[in-house]
Amino acid sequence: QVQLVESGGGLVQPGGSLRLSCAASGSIFSMSAMGWYRQPPGKQRELVAVISSGGSTNYAESVKGRFSISRDGAKNTVFLQMNNLKPEDTAVYYCNCNARPRPSTLVPLNYWGQGTQVTVSS
């Protein structure tokens, strides 16, 4: 199994910055896409950003130009740099990945972290 552990959430003022980290551990034969989702209070979970194993990225329109996703392939870690944060960015942020835990698992499985709270408020 693959475990994802997020860190870096917290309370920040509007216009501030935060950097989220997510480390994958456990049985990992290969890692495919890694990404971040968020769930604002009372709303559905939504995609924030995703990065492929080759480094291609995709962002939600609402965060383009403010957020940046990156990964350390050797450490199976993904980061989310969040700048110019707005109150509407307040949410629980979840790390997600597609990974093959062993060679016999031919199709990557999908895994979720427990989530980290990000609150943007003055």
N, C-alpha and C. Protein backbone atom coordinates (compact mmCIF):
# COMPACT_ATOMS: atom_id res chain seq x y z
N GLN A 1 0.82 -1.19 0.00
CA GLN A 1 0.00 0.00 0.00
C GLN A 1 0.86 1.25 0.00
N VAL A 2 0.28 2.34 -0.48
CA VAL A 2 0.96 3.63 -0.53
C VAL A 2 0.31 4.57 0.46
N GLN A 3 1.11 5.23 1.26
CA GLN A 3 0.61 6.23 2.20
C GLN A 3 1.08 7.61 1.76
N LEU A 4 0.18 8.58 1.88
CA LEU A 4 0.49 9.98 1.56
C LEU A 4 0.32 10.81 2.82
N VAL A 5 1.32 11.61 3.13
CA VAL A 5 1.26 12.47 4.31
C VAL A 5 1.52 13.90 3.88
N GLU A 6 0.51 14.76 4.12
CA GLU A 6 0.63 16.18 3.77
C GLU A 6 1.14 16.98 4.96
N SER A 7 1.78 18.11 4.65
CA SER A 7 2.20 19.04 5.69
C SER A 7 2.26 20.44 5.08
N GLY A 8 2.27 21.45 5.96
CA GLY A 8 2.44 22.82 5.50
C GLY A 8 1.20 23.69 5.54
N GLY A 9 0.07 23.13 5.91
CA GLY A 9 -1.14 23.95 5.99
C GLY A 9 -1.10 24.88 7.18
N GLY A 10 -2.10 25.75 7.27
CA GLY A 10 -2.17 26.66 8.40
C GLY A 10 -3.03 27.87 8.10
N LEU A 11 -2.88 28.87 8.95
CA LEU A 11 -3.62 30.12 8.82
C LEU A 11 -2.71 31.19 8.24
N VAL A 12 -3.20 31.88 7.22
CA VAL A 12 -2.40 32.92 6.57
C VAL A 12 -3.32 34.08 6.20
N GLN A 13 -2.77 35.27 6.18
CA GLN A 13 -3.55 36.45 5.80
C GLN A 13 -3.69 36.53 4.28
N PRO A 14 -4.74 37.18 3.81
CA PRO A 14 -4.87 37.39 2.36
C PRO A 14 -3.62 38.04 1.78
N GLY A 15 -3.19 37.52 0.64
CA GLY A 15 -1.97 38.00 0.01
C GLY A 15 -0.73 37.25 0.43
N GLY A 16 -0.87 36.41 1.44
CA GLY A 16 0.27 35.65 1.93
C GLY A 16 0.56 34.40 1.12
N SER A 17 1.54 33.64 1.58
CA SER A 17 1.97 32.43 0.88
C SER A 17 2.07 31.26 1.84
N LEU A 18 1.89 30.08 1.27
CA LEU A 18 2.10 28.82 1.98
C LEU A 18 2.68 27.81 1.00
N ARG A 19 3.42 26.85 1.53
CA ARG A 19 3.96 25.77 0.70
C ARG A 19 3.54 24.45 1.31
N LEU A 20 2.76 23.69 0.56
CA LEU A 20 2.33 22.37 0.99
C LEU A 20 3.30 21.31 0.47
N SER A 21 3.50 20.29 1.28
CA SER A 21 4.32 19.16 0.87
C SER A 21 3.53 17.88 1.08
N CYS A 22 3.82 16.90 0.26
CA CYS A 22 3.18 15.59 0.39
C CYS A 22 4.21 14.52 0.07
N ALA A 23 4.47 13.67 1.04
CA ALA A 23 5.44 12.60 0.86
C ALA A 23 4.72 11.26 0.76
N ALA A 24 5.06 10.51 -0.27
CA ALA A 24 4.51 9.16 -0.45
C ALA A 24 5.48 8.14 0.10
N SER A 25 4.95 7.14 0.78
CA SER A 25 5.79 6.09 1.34
C SER A 25 5.06 4.76 1.25
N GLY A 26 5.77 3.71 1.62
CA GLY A 26 5.18 2.38 1.56
C GLY A 26 5.70 1.61 0.38
N SER A 27 4.88 0.72 -0.13
CA SER A 27 5.25 -0.10 -1.26
C SER A 27 4.99 0.66 -2.55
N ILE A 28 6.06 1.17 -3.18
CA ILE A 28 5.91 1.94 -4.41
C ILE A 28 6.84 1.37 -5.46
N PHE A 29 6.26 0.72 -6.47
CA PHE A 29 7.06 0.21 -7.59
C PHE A 29 7.27 1.32 -8.61
N SER A 30 6.19 2.07 -8.90
CA SER A 30 6.32 3.21 -9.79
C SER A 30 5.25 4.24 -9.47
N MET A 31 5.61 5.51 -9.69
CA MET A 31 4.69 6.62 -9.39
C MET A 31 4.33 7.31 -10.69
N SER A 32 3.06 7.54 -10.90
CA SER A 32 2.61 8.28 -12.08
C SER A 32 2.28 9.71 -11.67
N ALA A 33 1.12 10.19 -12.04
CA ALA A 33 0.75 11.57 -11.73
C ALA A 33 0.57 11.76 -10.23
N MET A 34 0.93 12.96 -9.78
CA MET A 34 0.69 13.38 -8.40
C MET A 34 -0.03 14.72 -8.47
N GLY A 35 -0.87 15.00 -7.48
CA GLY A 35 -1.61 16.25 -7.55
C GLY A 35 -2.21 16.67 -6.24
N TRP A 36 -2.87 17.82 -6.31
CA TRP A 36 -3.53 18.40 -5.16
C TRP A 36 -4.99 18.69 -5.51
N TYR A 37 -5.86 18.37 -4.59
CA TYR A 37 -7.27 18.71 -4.67
C TYR A 37 -7.61 19.50 -3.41
N ARG A 38 -8.75 20.17 -3.44
CA ARG A 38 -9.20 20.87 -2.24
C ARG A 38 -10.71 20.78 -2.10
N GLN A 39 -11.15 20.88 -0.86
CA GLN A 39 -12.59 20.86 -0.58
C GLN A 39 -12.93 22.03 0.32
N PRO A 40 -13.49 23.10 -0.26
CA PRO A 40 -13.91 24.24 0.55
C PRO A 40 -15.09 23.84 1.45
N PRO A 41 -15.33 24.59 2.50
CA PRO A 41 -16.45 24.27 3.39
C PRO A 41 -17.77 24.22 2.64
N GLY A 42 -18.49 23.14 2.79
CA GLY A 42 -19.80 23.00 2.18
C GLY A 42 -19.82 22.77 0.69
N LYS A 43 -18.63 22.52 0.10
CA LYS A 43 -18.56 22.35 -1.35
C LYS A 43 -17.92 21.00 -1.71
N GLN A 44 -17.97 20.70 -3.01
CA GLN A 44 -17.38 19.47 -3.52
C GLN A 44 -15.87 19.59 -3.60
N ARG A 45 -15.21 18.44 -3.56
CA ARG A 45 -13.77 18.42 -3.75
C ARG A 45 -13.46 18.76 -5.21
N GLU A 46 -12.41 19.55 -5.43
CA GLU A 46 -12.06 20.00 -6.78
C GLU A 46 -10.57 19.91 -7.02
N LEU A 47 -10.23 19.75 -8.29
CA LEU A 47 -8.82 19.70 -8.66
C LEU A 47 -8.17 21.07 -8.51
N VAL A 48 -6.98 21.10 -7.94
CA VAL A 48 -6.19 22.33 -7.86
C VAL A 48 -5.07 22.29 -8.90
N ALA A 49 -4.26 21.25 -8.84
CA ALA A 49 -3.14 21.13 -9.77
C ALA A 49 -2.68 19.69 -9.83
N VAL A 50 -2.13 19.31 -10.98
CA VAL A 50 -1.61 17.96 -11.15
C VAL A 50 -0.33 18.02 -11.94
N ILE A 51 0.59 17.09 -11.66
CA ILE A 51 1.85 17.03 -12.38
C ILE A 51 2.11 15.58 -12.76
N SER A 52 2.47 15.38 -14.02
CA SER A 52 2.72 14.03 -14.51
C SER A 52 4.12 13.58 -14.12
N SER A 53 4.41 12.32 -14.36
CA SER A 53 5.73 11.80 -14.06
C SER A 53 6.79 12.48 -14.93
N GLY A 54 6.38 13.01 -16.08
CA GLY A 54 7.31 13.70 -16.95
C GLY A 54 7.43 15.18 -16.69
N GLY A 55 6.62 15.68 -15.74
CA GLY A 55 6.72 17.08 -15.36
C GLY A 55 5.68 17.99 -15.98
N SER A 56 4.79 17.45 -16.79
CA SER A 56 3.71 18.29 -17.33
C SER A 56 2.74 18.66 -16.23
N THR A 57 2.25 19.90 -16.29
CA THR A 57 1.38 20.39 -15.23
C THR A 57 0.04 20.87 -15.77
N ASN A 58 -0.96 20.86 -14.90
CA ASN A 58 -2.28 21.35 -15.23
C ASN A 58 -2.85 21.99 -13.98
N TYR A 59 -3.48 23.16 -14.15
CA TYR A 59 -3.99 23.92 -13.02
C TYR A 59 -5.46 24.26 -13.20
N ALA A 60 -6.16 24.40 -12.09
CA ALA A 60 -7.49 24.97 -12.12
C ALA A 60 -7.36 26.43 -12.51
N GLU A 61 -8.36 26.93 -13.25
CA GLU A 61 -8.31 28.32 -13.70
C GLU A 61 -8.18 29.29 -12.54
N SER A 62 -8.81 28.97 -11.43
CA SER A 62 -8.85 29.88 -10.29
C SER A 62 -7.49 30.07 -9.61
N VAL A 63 -6.53 29.18 -9.89
CA VAL A 63 -5.23 29.28 -9.21
C VAL A 63 -4.09 29.57 -10.18
N LYS A 64 -4.37 29.60 -11.47
CA LYS A 64 -3.32 29.86 -12.45
C LYS A 64 -2.65 31.18 -12.19
N GLY A 65 -1.31 31.17 -12.23
CA GLY A 65 -0.55 32.38 -11.99
C GLY A 65 -0.26 32.65 -10.52
N ARG A 66 -0.92 31.89 -9.64
CA ARG A 66 -0.71 32.09 -8.19
C ARG A 66 -0.10 30.85 -7.54
N PHE A 67 -0.49 29.67 -8.02
CA PHE A 67 -0.01 28.41 -7.44
C PHE A 67 0.96 27.74 -8.41
N SER A 68 1.89 26.99 -7.84
CA SER A 68 2.85 26.26 -8.65
C SER A 68 3.07 24.87 -8.05
N ILE A 69 2.93 23.84 -8.87
CA ILE A 69 3.13 22.47 -8.42
C ILE A 69 4.47 21.97 -8.93
N SER A 70 5.15 21.20 -8.09
CA SER A 70 6.42 20.60 -8.48
C SER A 70 6.56 19.26 -7.76
N ARG A 71 7.54 18.48 -8.18
CA ARG A 71 7.73 17.17 -7.55
C ARG A 71 9.20 16.81 -7.52
N ASP A 72 9.53 15.97 -6.54
CA ASP A 72 10.86 15.37 -6.43
C ASP A 72 10.66 13.89 -6.69
N GLY A 73 10.97 13.48 -7.90
CA GLY A 73 10.71 12.10 -8.28
C GLY A 73 11.48 11.09 -7.46
N ALA A 74 12.69 11.43 -7.09
CA ALA A 74 13.53 10.51 -6.34
C ALA A 74 12.95 10.24 -4.95
N LYS A 75 12.24 11.23 -4.41
CA LYS A 75 11.70 11.11 -3.06
C LYS A 75 10.19 10.91 -3.05
N ASN A 76 9.59 10.78 -4.24
CA ASN A 76 8.14 10.60 -4.34
C ASN A 76 7.40 11.65 -3.51
N THR A 77 7.80 12.89 -3.72
CA THR A 77 7.23 14.01 -2.97
C THR A 77 6.70 15.04 -3.95
N VAL A 78 5.56 15.63 -3.61
CA VAL A 78 4.98 16.68 -4.44
C VAL A 78 4.76 17.91 -3.57
N PHE A 79 4.94 19.07 -4.19
CA PHE A 79 4.83 20.34 -3.49
C PHE A 79 3.79 21.22 -4.16
N LEU A 80 3.20 22.11 -3.38
CA LEU A 80 2.30 23.12 -3.93
C LEU A 80 2.67 24.46 -3.30
N GLN A 81 3.26 25.32 -4.10
CA GLN A 81 3.57 26.67 -3.66
C GLN A 81 2.38 27.56 -3.95
N MET A 82 1.84 28.17 -2.91
CA MET A 82 0.63 28.98 -3.05
C MET A 82 0.96 30.42 -2.67
N ASN A 83 0.84 31.30 -3.65
CA ASN A 83 1.13 32.72 -3.44
C ASN A 83 -0.13 33.55 -3.63
N ASN A 84 -0.10 34.77 -3.11
CA ASN A 84 -1.24 35.69 -3.24
C ASN A 84 -2.54 34.98 -2.86
N LEU A 85 -2.54 34.37 -1.70
CA LEU A 85 -3.70 33.60 -1.27
C LEU A 85 -4.90 34.50 -1.02
N LYS A 86 -6.08 33.95 -1.33
CA LYS A 86 -7.34 34.68 -1.17
C LYS A 86 -8.24 33.91 -0.21
N PRO A 87 -9.19 34.59 0.40
CA PRO A 87 -10.11 33.89 1.32
C PRO A 87 -10.81 32.70 0.65
N GLU A 88 -11.07 32.81 -0.65
CA GLU A 88 -11.74 31.70 -1.33
C GLU A 88 -10.84 30.48 -1.54
N ASP A 89 -9.57 30.60 -1.19
CA ASP A 89 -8.66 29.45 -1.23
C ASP A 89 -8.78 28.60 0.05
N THR A 90 -9.54 29.10 1.01
CA THR A 90 -9.74 28.35 2.25
C THR A 90 -10.39 27.00 1.96
N ALA A 91 -9.75 25.94 2.42
CA ALA A 91 -10.23 24.59 2.13
C ALA A 91 -9.33 23.58 2.84
N VAL A 92 -9.78 22.34 2.83
CA VAL A 92 -8.90 21.23 3.18
C VAL A 92 -8.23 20.78 1.88
N TYR A 93 -6.92 20.74 1.88
CA TYR A 93 -6.16 20.37 0.69
C TYR A 93 -5.70 18.92 0.82
N TYR A 94 -6.00 18.15 -0.23
CA TYR A 94 -5.68 16.73 -0.25
C TYR A 94 -4.64 16.42 -1.31
N CYS A 95 -3.69 15.60 -0.94
CA CYS A 95 -2.71 15.08 -1.88
C CYS A 95 -3.28 13.82 -2.54
N ASN A 96 -2.95 13.63 -3.80
CA ASN A 96 -3.45 12.48 -4.55
C ASN A 96 -2.36 11.96 -5.46
N CYS A 97 -2.35 10.65 -5.68
CA CYS A 97 -1.37 10.10 -6.63
C CYS A 97 -1.91 8.84 -7.27
N ASN A 98 -1.33 8.52 -8.41
CA ASN A 98 -1.55 7.24 -9.07
C ASN A 98 -0.24 6.47 -9.02
N ALA A 99 -0.26 5.28 -8.46
CA ALA A 99 0.97 4.53 -8.27
C ALA A 99 0.72 3.02 -8.41
N ARG A 100 1.78 2.34 -8.81
CA ARG A 100 1.77 0.87 -8.83
C ARG A 100 2.55 0.41 -7.62
N PRO A 101 1.89 -0.23 -6.66
CA PRO A 101 2.60 -0.66 -5.46
C PRO A 101 3.56 -1.82 -5.69
N ARG A 102 3.33 -2.58 -6.73
CA ARG A 102 4.21 -3.73 -7.03
C ARG A 102 4.15 -4.02 -8.52
N PRO A 103 5.13 -4.72 -9.07
CA PRO A 103 5.15 -4.99 -10.52
C PRO A 103 3.91 -5.73 -11.02
N SER A 104 3.33 -6.56 -10.17
CA SER A 104 2.17 -7.34 -10.59
C SER A 104 0.91 -6.49 -10.71
N THR A 105 0.95 -5.27 -10.17
CA THR A 105 -0.19 -4.35 -10.30
C THR A 105 -0.01 -3.61 -11.62
N LEU A 106 -0.72 -4.05 -12.66
CA LEU A 106 -0.47 -3.52 -13.99
C LEU A 106 -1.06 -2.14 -14.21
N VAL A 107 -2.17 -1.85 -13.55
CA VAL A 107 -2.82 -0.55 -13.68
C VAL A 107 -2.59 0.25 -12.41
N PRO A 108 -2.11 1.50 -12.53
CA PRO A 108 -1.88 2.31 -11.33
C PRO A 108 -3.14 2.45 -10.49
N LEU A 109 -2.96 2.41 -9.17
CA LEU A 109 -4.06 2.62 -8.23
C LEU A 109 -4.05 4.06 -7.75
N ASN A 110 -5.19 4.52 -7.29
CA ASN A 110 -5.34 5.91 -6.85
C ASN A 110 -5.32 5.99 -5.33
N TYR A 111 -4.53 6.92 -4.81
CA TYR A 111 -4.39 7.06 -3.36
C TYR A 111 -4.63 8.50 -2.94
N TRP A 112 -5.14 8.65 -1.70
CA TRP A 112 -5.41 9.98 -1.13
C TRP A 112 -4.71 10.13 0.21
N GLY A 113 -4.29 11.37 0.50
CA GLY A 113 -3.82 11.70 1.82
C GLY A 113 -4.98 12.06 2.73
N GLN A 114 -4.66 12.37 3.98
CA GLN A 114 -5.69 12.69 4.97
C GLN A 114 -6.17 14.14 4.87
N GLY A 115 -5.39 14.98 4.25
CA GLY A 115 -5.78 16.37 4.09
C GLY A 115 -5.11 17.29 5.09
N THR A 116 -4.91 18.54 4.67
CA THR A 116 -4.36 19.56 5.55
C THR A 116 -5.16 20.84 5.37
N GLN A 117 -5.49 21.48 6.47
CA GLN A 117 -6.35 22.67 6.43
C GLN A 117 -5.55 23.91 6.05
N VAL A 118 -6.08 24.65 5.10
CA VAL A 118 -5.54 25.97 4.74
C VAL A 118 -6.65 26.99 4.96
N THR A 119 -6.36 27.97 5.79
CA THR A 119 -7.34 29.01 6.09
C THR A 119 -6.73 30.37 5.76
N VAL A 120 -7.42 31.12 4.91
CA VAL A 120 -6.95 32.44 4.50
C VAL A 120 -7.92 33.46 5.08
N SER A 121 -7.43 34.20 6.06
CA SER A 121 -8.31 35.14 6.76
C SER A 121 -7.48 36.22 7.44
N SER A 122 -8.06 37.41 7.52
CA SER A 122 -7.40 38.49 8.24
C SER A 122 -7.87 38.53 9.68
